[in-house]
Amino acid sequence: MAPPSPFTIMGGFLRSILGAAERAETDVATHSPLQEVQRLEEKLEQAVAAAHRAAESLERHVAVVEKLADSLGPLSESVTRLTEQLNSLMKVTLPVAAAEHELSRVERLFGRRCPADTSTTGGGETETPTS
């Protein structure tokens, strides 16, 4: 057998060093706090994105509430006008109600009977309608 050449010895030594370096690199990559930092950064980015979505949603809700608040003034004015119109309508209908009341009194005065009153089987008593 021929003695190993110095290059063969150096090559084996270099391969052994490179293998150890690769194993060390793999160990560092799997046990490195950088992996944890990357996972935390991803979670932080997701949380920031969720906060942005929530803020945008809140802005849309605020816009809707502002529109609702803007519509309350005209709605209040419309209700006020409706109340005024109903009050004037009630003033107009008061004479009609009074006339109906007087008419019922006149009907009782002349003894007008309702058809339901004539169908009673009682004696000779008749009932008068009430207002």
Protein backbone atom coordinates (compact mmCIF):
# COMPACT_ATOMS: atom_id res chain seq x y z
CA MET A 1 0.00 0.00 0.00
CA ALA A 2 1.11 3.42 -0.82
CA PRO A 3 1.33 5.99 1.86
CA PRO A 4 -1.48 8.53 1.74
CA SER A 5 -0.60 11.75 0.06
CA PRO A 6 -0.69 15.00 1.96
CA PHE A 7 -3.58 16.13 -0.25
CA THR A 8 -5.62 13.07 0.70
CA ILE A 9 -5.03 13.72 4.36
CA MET A 10 -5.87 17.42 3.96
CA GLY A 11 -8.97 16.57 1.87
CA GLY A 12 -10.29 14.21 4.52
CA PHE A 13 -9.59 16.79 7.18
CA LEU A 14 -11.39 19.51 5.18
CA ARG A 15 -14.38 17.23 4.53
CA SER A 16 -14.62 16.51 8.21
CA ILE A 17 -14.51 20.22 9.04
CA LEU A 18 -17.12 21.03 6.35
CA GLY A 19 -19.42 18.26 7.63
CA ALA A 20 -19.12 19.57 11.17
CA ALA A 21 -19.81 23.09 9.92
CA GLU A 22 -22.94 21.92 8.08
CA ARG A 23 -24.18 20.11 11.18
CA ALA A 24 -23.51 23.19 13.28
CA GLU A 25 -25.35 25.37 10.77
CA THR A 26 -28.34 23.03 10.83
CA ASP A 27 -28.31 23.01 14.64
CA VAL A 28 -28.13 26.79 14.75
CA ALA A 29 -30.99 27.14 12.25
CA THR A 30 -33.30 24.79 14.14
CA HIS A 31 -32.47 26.05 17.62
CA SER A 32 -31.96 29.69 16.74
CA PRO A 33 -34.08 32.39 18.32
CA LEU A 34 -34.36 33.83 14.82
CA GLN A 35 -37.00 31.21 13.98
CA GLU A 36 -39.03 32.32 16.98
CA VAL A 37 -38.56 35.95 16.00
CA GLN A 38 -39.86 35.20 12.49
CA ARG A 39 -42.94 33.45 13.91
CA LEU A 40 -43.57 36.38 16.23
CA GLU A 41 -43.18 38.83 13.34
CA GLU A 42 -45.76 36.88 11.31
CA LYS A 43 -48.20 36.92 14.23
CA LEU A 44 -47.57 40.63 14.72
CA GLU A 45 -48.25 41.30 11.03
CA GLN A 46 -51.51 39.35 11.28
CA ALA A 47 -52.53 41.30 14.38
CA VAL A 48 -51.73 44.61 12.67
CA ALA A 49 -53.78 43.57 9.61
CA ALA A 50 -56.70 42.64 11.89
CA ALA A 51 -56.43 46.01 13.64
CA HIS A 52 -56.51 47.79 10.27
CA ARG A 53 -59.62 45.84 9.23
CA ALA A 54 -61.30 46.68 12.54
CA ALA A 55 -60.43 50.38 12.14
CA GLU A 56 -61.86 50.43 8.61
CA SER A 57 -65.03 48.74 9.82
CA LEU A 58 -65.31 51.25 12.65
CA GLU A 59 -64.91 54.12 10.19
CA ARG A 60 -67.76 52.74 8.09
CA HIS A 61 -69.97 52.45 11.19
CA VAL A 62 -69.13 56.02 12.19
CA ALA A 63 -70.09 57.22 8.70
CA VAL A 64 -73.46 55.45 8.98
CA VAL A 65 -74.09 56.94 12.44
CA GLU A 66 -73.21 60.41 11.13
CA LYS A 67 -75.72 60.02 8.28
CA LEU A 68 -78.32 58.90 10.81
CA ALA A 69 -77.59 61.91 13.01
CA ASP A 70 -77.87 64.21 9.98
CA SER A 71 -81.29 62.77 9.15
CA LEU A 72 -82.68 63.30 12.66
CA GLY A 73 -83.15 67.05 12.17
CA PRO A 74 -85.34 66.77 9.07
CA LEU A 75 -87.20 63.83 10.62
CA SER A 76 -87.93 65.86 13.74
CA GLU A 77 -89.19 68.76 11.62
CA SER A 78 -91.45 66.38 9.67
CA VAL A 79 -92.91 64.96 12.87
CA THR A 80 -93.52 68.49 14.17
CA ARG A 81 -95.32 69.45 10.94
CA LEU A 82 -97.37 66.23 11.08
CA THR A 83 -98.39 67.01 14.66
CA GLU A 84 -99.44 70.52 13.64
CA GLN A 85 -101.47 69.12 10.73
CA LEU A 86 -103.15 66.57 12.99
CA ASN A 87 -104.01 69.32 15.49
CA SER A 88 -105.59 71.42 12.74
CA LEU A 89 -107.45 68.34 11.49
CA MET A 90 -108.76 67.73 15.00
CA LYS A 91 -109.99 71.34 15.13
CA VAL A 92 -111.83 70.78 11.85
CA THR A 93 -113.42 67.53 13.01
CA LEU A 94 -114.63 68.91 16.36
CA PRO A 95 -117.77 70.48 14.82
CA VAL A 96 -118.48 67.21 12.98
CA ALA A 97 -118.19 65.27 16.25
CA ALA A 98 -120.45 67.78 17.97
CA ALA A 99 -122.99 67.47 15.15
CA GLU A 100 -122.94 63.67 15.45
CA HIS A 101 -123.52 63.98 19.18
CA GLU A 102 -126.47 66.32 18.63
CA LEU A 103 -127.86 63.99 15.95
CA SER A 104 -127.82 61.07 18.39
CA ARG A 105 -129.66 63.21 20.93
CA VAL A 106 -132.28 64.11 18.31
CA GLU A 107 -132.68 60.42 17.39
CA ARG A 108 -133.34 59.59 21.04
CA LEU A 109 -135.79 62.47 21.25
CA PHE A 110 -137.90 61.10 18.41
CA GLY A 111 -137.57 57.53 19.65
CA ARG A 112 -135.70 56.10 16.70
CA ARG A 113 -134.76 52.52 17.39
CA CYS A 114 -131.95 50.39 16.03
CA PRO A 115 -132.89 47.17 14.20
CA ALA A 116 -131.23 45.17 16.98
CA ASP A 117 -133.61 46.73 19.50
CA THR A 118 -136.76 45.62 17.61
CA SER A 119 -135.69 42.00 17.62
CA THR A 120 -135.72 41.70 21.39
CA THR A 121 -138.35 39.38 22.80
CA GLY A 122 -138.99 41.47 25.88
CA GLY A 123 -142.32 43.06 26.71
CA GLY A 124 -143.20 46.47 25.43
CA GLU A 125 -140.07 48.24 26.61
CA THR A 126 -137.81 49.71 23.98
CA GLU A 127 -134.24 50.67 24.43
CA THR A 128 -132.70 53.83 23.08
CA PRO A 129 -129.21 53.86 21.60
CA THR A 130 -126.48 55.39 23.68
CA SER A 131 -123.80 57.66 22.35
